[in-house]
Amino acid sequence: MIRQFDGLVIQFQQRVMPFSILHSLFSICILYLMVQPPIMQGIIHLEGIRKNYFLGKQVIEVLKGITLDIFKNEYVALMGPSGSGKSTLMNILGCLDTPTGGRYVLNNQDVSKMVDNSLAEVRNTEIGFVFQQFNLLPRLTAAENVALPLVYAGVPKKKRMERALHVLELVNLADRSHHKPNELSGGQNQRVAIARALVNDPAMILADEPTGNLDTKTSYEIMDIFGRIHEGGNTVILVTHEEDIANHAHRIIRLRDGVIETDKRREMAIPRAH
């Protein structure tokens, strides 16, 4: 009986891979998984996006089949000459306009065929806007302007103001929270606008010529804030015609005549000004 048992043990040892080899293979598999690049999560998917305008019987093709993916935590600049379609593309990305054809998926929602009320909800929850003209309400304080999107979202007043003060602190403007727009400089008003864009914790920040009305020094200060926002994990899409401003982004997409002319990722963004 003992001999028979010993024989079975020997056969088992011969047929089963030694533990040391199994351990080595397991370690190799873990190492392989660790060195693989992380899977990029798509936040914007455009597929064959077209936009036409009609002037009498004439059809004006502005966007001619744009296909594009933008991923979570990317920092993207959209560039192009006048008439290239970049403003129209920005309006579609921001759900301010709908495409004539094609498919637009934003954060796993197909917004291509949404009606106005649904688009308004998407704009308020998924997108933070920063415009060249600031678009602040003159009778409201900085904190009240920042909290405005939370009013539309139905957030109680106490939580609105707490959140508004928090994001004003992120843009170094907490000490101006009770000032109105006419009591602030252009750069400070733009920082209020950036804080307002952040207050709802949106899926992406969409900035249209955010430094267009600012001097060079203030422009670089604003771009420094966008850099910190991106480093904090936010997706930033910047629309600009200024090459030096676009160079702060990690990816530059150039449009011409309604199509993507180039789409290049940069190895490293230029150092931010301090």
Protein backbone atom coordinates (compact mmCIF):
# COMPACT_ATOMS: atom_id res chain seq x y z
CA MET A 1 0.00 0.00 0.00
CA ILE A 2 2.81 2.42 0.99
CA ARG A 3 4.74 1.61 -2.19
CA GLN A 4 1.62 2.22 -4.25
CA PHE A 5 1.08 5.58 -2.57
CA ASP A 6 4.71 6.60 -3.11
CA GLY A 7 4.33 5.74 -6.76
CA LEU A 8 1.31 7.99 -7.10
CA VAL A 9 3.19 10.89 -5.48
CA ILE A 10 6.10 10.44 -7.88
CA GLN A 11 3.73 10.42 -10.87
CA PHE A 12 2.00 13.58 -9.56
CA GLN A 13 5.32 15.38 -9.16
CA GLN A 14 6.35 14.39 -12.67
CA ARG A 15 3.11 15.56 -14.25
CA VAL A 16 2.44 18.77 -12.29
CA MET A 17 4.58 21.83 -12.95
CA PRO A 18 6.80 22.65 -9.96
CA PHE A 19 5.59 25.52 -7.77
CA SER A 20 8.74 27.57 -8.42
CA ILE A 21 8.02 27.60 -12.17
CA LEU A 22 4.36 28.54 -11.59
CA HIS A 23 5.48 31.37 -9.30
CA SER A 24 7.90 32.65 -11.94
CA LEU A 25 5.24 32.61 -14.67
CA PHE A 26 2.81 34.44 -12.39
CA SER A 27 5.43 37.11 -11.65
CA ILE A 28 6.08 37.57 -15.38
CA CYS A 29 2.34 38.03 -16.05
CA ILE A 30 2.06 40.66 -13.30
CA LEU A 31 5.10 42.52 -14.65
CA TYR A 32 3.63 42.45 -18.17
CA LEU A 33 0.38 43.97 -16.96
CA MET A 34 2.24 46.67 -15.03
CA VAL A 35 4.23 47.87 -18.05
CA GLN A 36 1.25 47.98 -20.40
CA PRO A 37 0.03 51.54 -21.10
CA PRO A 38 -3.30 52.38 -19.44
CA ILE A 39 -6.40 52.09 -21.60
CA MET A 40 -7.48 55.62 -22.53
CA GLN A 41 -11.11 56.34 -21.72
CA GLY A 42 -12.92 58.17 -24.49
CA ILE A 43 -14.94 61.21 -23.48
CA ILE A 44 -15.76 62.55 -26.97
CA HIS A 45 -16.43 60.49 -30.08
CA LEU A 46 -17.29 62.23 -33.34
CA GLU A 47 -18.13 60.09 -36.34
CA GLY A 48 -18.69 61.66 -39.76
CA ILE A 49 -19.93 64.99 -38.34
CA ARG A 50 -21.34 67.28 -41.02
CA LYS A 51 -22.83 70.74 -40.68
CA ASN A 52 -24.61 72.57 -43.49
CA TYR A 53 -26.15 76.00 -43.58
CA PHE A 54 -28.71 77.06 -46.15
CA LEU A 55 -28.68 80.41 -47.92
CA GLY A 56 -31.77 80.36 -50.07
CA LYS A 57 -31.30 77.36 -52.34
CA GLN A 58 -27.56 77.32 -51.77
CA VAL A 59 -26.10 74.73 -49.39
CA ILE A 60 -22.97 75.84 -47.54
CA GLU A 61 -20.95 72.91 -46.19
CA VAL A 62 -19.07 74.04 -43.10
CA LEU A 63 -18.04 70.68 -41.61
CA LYS A 64 -17.44 67.85 -44.07
CA GLY A 65 -17.36 64.59 -42.16
CA ILE A 66 -15.28 65.15 -39.01
CA THR A 67 -14.24 61.95 -37.23
CA LEU A 68 -12.42 62.49 -33.96
CA ASP A 69 -11.83 60.98 -30.52
CA ILE A 70 -10.81 62.99 -27.47
CA PHE A 71 -9.89 61.10 -24.32
CA LYS A 72 -10.32 61.76 -20.63
CA ASN A 73 -7.71 64.15 -19.18
CA GLU A 74 -6.45 65.26 -22.61
CA TYR A 75 -5.44 68.89 -23.16
CA VAL A 76 -6.42 69.75 -26.73
CA ALA A 77 -6.16 72.92 -28.81
CA LEU A 78 -8.40 73.45 -31.85
CA MET A 79 -6.89 75.78 -34.43
CA GLY A 80 -7.68 76.95 -37.92
CA PRO A 81 -8.02 80.08 -40.06
CA SER A 82 -11.24 82.03 -40.43
CA GLY A 83 -13.78 79.88 -42.28
CA SER A 84 -12.08 76.61 -41.32
CA GLY A 85 -15.07 75.42 -39.28
CA LYS A 86 -13.45 75.51 -35.84
CA SER A 87 -16.13 77.75 -34.31
CA THR A 88 -18.87 75.53 -35.73
CA LEU A 89 -17.11 72.46 -34.37
CA MET A 90 -16.77 74.14 -30.98
CA ASN A 91 -20.52 74.87 -30.95
CA ILE A 92 -21.28 71.23 -31.68
CA LEU A 93 -18.81 70.00 -29.05
CA GLY A 94 -20.46 72.36 -26.55
CA CYS A 95 -23.97 71.18 -27.49
CA LEU A 96 -24.81 74.74 -28.54
CA ASP A 97 -25.67 73.45 -32.02
CA THR A 98 -26.54 70.08 -33.54
CA PRO A 99 -24.89 68.47 -36.58
CA THR A 100 -26.64 68.05 -39.91
CA GLY A 101 -25.32 64.51 -40.05
CA GLY A 102 -23.04 62.12 -38.20
CA ARG A 103 -22.84 60.96 -34.60
CA TYR A 104 -21.60 62.72 -31.48
CA VAL A 105 -21.17 60.73 -28.25
CA LEU A 106 -20.26 62.76 -25.15
CA ASN A 107 -19.37 60.84 -22.00
CA ASN A 108 -21.29 57.77 -23.24
CA GLN A 109 -24.36 59.80 -24.24
CA ASP A 110 -25.37 60.14 -27.90
CA VAL A 111 -26.20 63.86 -28.07
CA SER A 112 -26.50 64.02 -31.86
CA LYS A 113 -30.30 63.92 -31.97
CA MET A 114 -31.15 65.38 -28.56
CA VAL A 115 -33.83 68.05 -28.29
CA ASP A 116 -33.12 71.47 -26.79
CA ASN A 117 -34.16 70.66 -23.19
CA SER A 118 -31.96 67.58 -23.08
CA LEU A 119 -29.03 69.49 -24.61
CA ALA A 120 -29.43 72.22 -21.98
CA GLU A 121 -29.16 69.60 -19.23
CA VAL A 122 -26.04 68.13 -20.85
CA ARG A 123 -24.47 71.59 -21.12
CA ASN A 124 -25.10 72.28 -17.44
CA THR A 125 -23.79 68.97 -16.14
CA GLU A 126 -21.12 67.81 -18.59
CA ILE A 127 -19.51 70.98 -19.98
CA GLY A 128 -17.83 73.95 -18.35
CA PHE A 129 -17.66 76.96 -20.69
CA VAL A 130 -15.08 79.75 -20.69
CA PHE A 131 -15.67 82.54 -23.22
CA GLN A 132 -13.59 85.43 -24.48
CA GLN A 133 -16.16 87.96 -23.20
CA PHE A 134 -16.41 86.40 -19.69
CA ASN A 135 -20.27 86.54 -19.79
CA LEU A 136 -20.61 87.46 -16.11
CA LEU A 137 -23.79 89.02 -14.73
CA PRO A 138 -22.85 92.59 -13.64
CA ARG A 139 -25.15 92.75 -10.59
CA LEU A 140 -23.85 89.51 -9.05
CA THR A 141 -20.71 89.08 -6.98
CA ALA A 142 -17.91 86.77 -8.10
CA ALA A 143 -19.19 84.00 -5.81
CA GLU A 144 -22.77 84.43 -7.03
CA ASN A 145 -21.65 84.31 -10.67
CA VAL A 146 -19.66 81.15 -10.01
CA ALA A 147 -22.61 79.51 -8.21
CA LEU A 148 -25.08 80.24 -11.02
CA PRO A 149 -24.85 76.80 -12.75
CA LEU A 150 -25.63 75.19 -9.38
CA VAL A 151 -28.83 77.24 -9.15
CA TYR A 152 -30.02 75.64 -12.40
CA ALA A 153 -28.97 72.24 -11.04
CA GLY A 154 -31.16 72.72 -7.95
CA VAL A 155 -28.33 72.69 -5.40
CA PRO A 156 -29.26 74.29 -2.01
CA LYS A 157 -27.87 77.79 -1.42
CA LYS A 158 -25.47 76.84 1.39
CA LYS A 159 -23.85 74.08 -0.68
CA ARG A 160 -23.76 76.40 -3.73
CA MET A 161 -21.77 79.03 -1.91
CA GLU A 162 -19.44 76.49 -0.30
CA ARG A 163 -18.66 75.01 -3.69
CA ALA A 164 -18.29 78.47 -5.30
CA LEU A 165 -15.78 79.59 -2.66
CA HIS A 166 -13.85 76.35 -3.08
CA VAL A 167 -13.36 76.78 -6.85
CA LEU A 168 -12.58 80.49 -6.44
CA GLU A 169 -9.79 79.40 -4.14
CA LEU A 170 -8.51 77.06 -6.87
CA VAL A 171 -8.09 80.07 -9.20
CA ASN A 172 -6.56 82.23 -6.42
CA LEU A 173 -9.54 84.57 -6.16
CA ALA A 174 -11.18 83.65 -2.86
CA ASP A 175 -10.31 87.09 -1.45
CA ARG A 176 -12.38 88.75 -4.22
CA SER A 177 -15.48 86.58 -3.81
CA HIS A 178 -17.71 89.52 -2.81
CA HIS A 179 -16.58 91.83 -5.61
CA LYS A 180 -18.70 92.50 -8.68
CA PRO A 181 -17.31 92.32 -12.25
CA ASN A 182 -16.79 96.09 -12.54
CA GLU A 183 -14.60 95.93 -9.43
CA LEU A 184 -12.28 93.33 -10.96
CA SER A 185 -9.63 93.42 -13.68
CA GLY A 186 -10.00 91.56 -16.98
CA GLY A 187 -7.76 88.75 -15.78
CA GLN A 188 -9.68 88.46 -12.51
CA ASN A 189 -13.00 88.32 -14.38
CA GLN A 190 -11.64 85.54 -16.57
CA ARG A 191 -10.61 83.64 -13.44
CA VAL A 192 -14.17 84.01 -12.15
CA ALA A 193 -15.39 82.59 -15.47
CA ILE A 194 -12.98 79.65 -15.14
CA ALA A 195 -14.20 78.99 -11.59
CA ARG A 196 -17.79 79.04 -12.86
CA ALA A 197 -16.82 76.46 -15.51
CA LEU A 198 -15.40 74.20 -12.79
CA VAL A 199 -18.18 74.50 -10.22
CA ASN A 200 -20.32 71.64 -11.57
CA ASP A 201 -17.34 69.27 -11.88
CA PRO A 202 -17.98 68.85 -15.63
CA ALA A 203 -16.67 66.12 -17.92
CA MET A 204 -14.72 68.73 -19.91
CA ILE A 205 -13.76 72.40 -19.95
CA LEU A 206 -14.41 74.11 -23.30
CA ALA A 207 -12.60 77.44 -23.64
CA ASP A 208 -13.23 79.73 -26.64
CA GLU A 209 -10.38 82.24 -27.14
CA PRO A 210 -10.05 82.64 -23.35
CA THR A 211 -7.09 85.05 -23.64
CA GLY A 212 -8.43 87.11 -26.55
CA ASN A 213 -9.17 90.20 -24.44
CA LEU A 214 -6.13 89.97 -22.17
CA ASP A 215 -2.59 91.34 -22.28
CA THR A 216 0.36 88.98 -22.68
CA LYS A 217 1.27 88.69 -18.99
CA THR A 218 -2.33 88.05 -17.93
CA SER A 219 -2.78 85.58 -20.80
CA TYR A 220 0.07 83.45 -19.50
CA GLU A 221 -1.34 83.62 -15.98
CA ILE A 222 -4.68 82.32 -17.31
CA MET A 223 -2.93 79.55 -19.25
CA ASP A 224 -1.08 78.61 -16.07
CA ILE A 225 -4.49 78.07 -14.43
CA PHE A 226 -5.65 75.89 -17.34
CA GLY A 227 -2.46 73.87 -16.94
CA ARG A 228 -3.22 73.27 -13.26
CA ILE A 229 -6.81 72.34 -14.10
CA HIS A 230 -5.54 69.74 -16.56
CA GLU A 231 -3.01 68.42 -14.05
CA GLY A 232 -5.91 68.00 -11.63
CA GLY A 233 -7.47 65.43 -13.98
CA ASN A 234 -9.78 67.59 -16.11
CA THR A 235 -10.23 67.35 -19.87
CA VAL A 236 -9.52 70.75 -21.45
CA ILE A 237 -10.41 71.78 -25.02
CA LEU A 238 -9.08 75.15 -26.08
CA VAL A 239 -10.17 77.01 -29.22
CA THR A 240 -7.61 79.61 -30.29
CA HIS A 241 -5.93 81.21 -33.27
CA GLU A 242 -2.80 82.10 -31.28
CA GLU A 243 0.09 79.70 -31.82
CA ASP A 244 1.81 80.43 -28.49
CA ILE A 245 -1.43 79.80 -26.58
CA ALA A 246 -2.09 76.55 -28.46
CA ASN A 247 1.41 75.34 -27.59
CA HIS A 248 0.35 74.98 -23.96
CA ALA A 249 -1.84 72.05 -25.04
CA HIS A 250 -0.56 68.49 -25.41
CA ARG A 251 -2.44 67.88 -28.67
CA ILE A 252 -3.11 70.34 -31.49
CA ILE A 253 -5.87 69.71 -34.06
CA ARG A 254 -5.87 72.01 -37.08
CA LEU A 255 -8.94 72.46 -39.28
CA ARG A 256 -9.08 73.80 -42.82
CA ASP A 257 -12.08 74.00 -45.16
CA GLY A 258 -14.27 71.91 -42.86
CA VAL A 259 -11.93 68.94 -42.44
CA ILE A 260 -9.11 68.01 -40.05
CA GLU A 261 -5.86 69.01 -41.72
CA THR A 262 -3.48 67.76 -38.98
CA ASP A 263 -3.82 66.13 -35.58
CA LYS A 264 -0.56 66.02 -33.63
CA ARG A 265 0.28 65.10 -30.06
CA ARG A 266 3.17 66.89 -28.41
CA GLU A 267 5.80 65.06 -26.39
CA MET A 268 5.69 67.77 -23.75
CA ALA A 269 3.90 71.07 -23.33
CA ILE A 270 6.02 74.19 -22.97
CA PRO A 271 6.78 75.23 -19.39
CA ARG A 272 4.05 77.34 -17.86
CA ALA A 273 4.78 80.88 -16.75
CA HIS A 274 5.03 81.59 -13.02
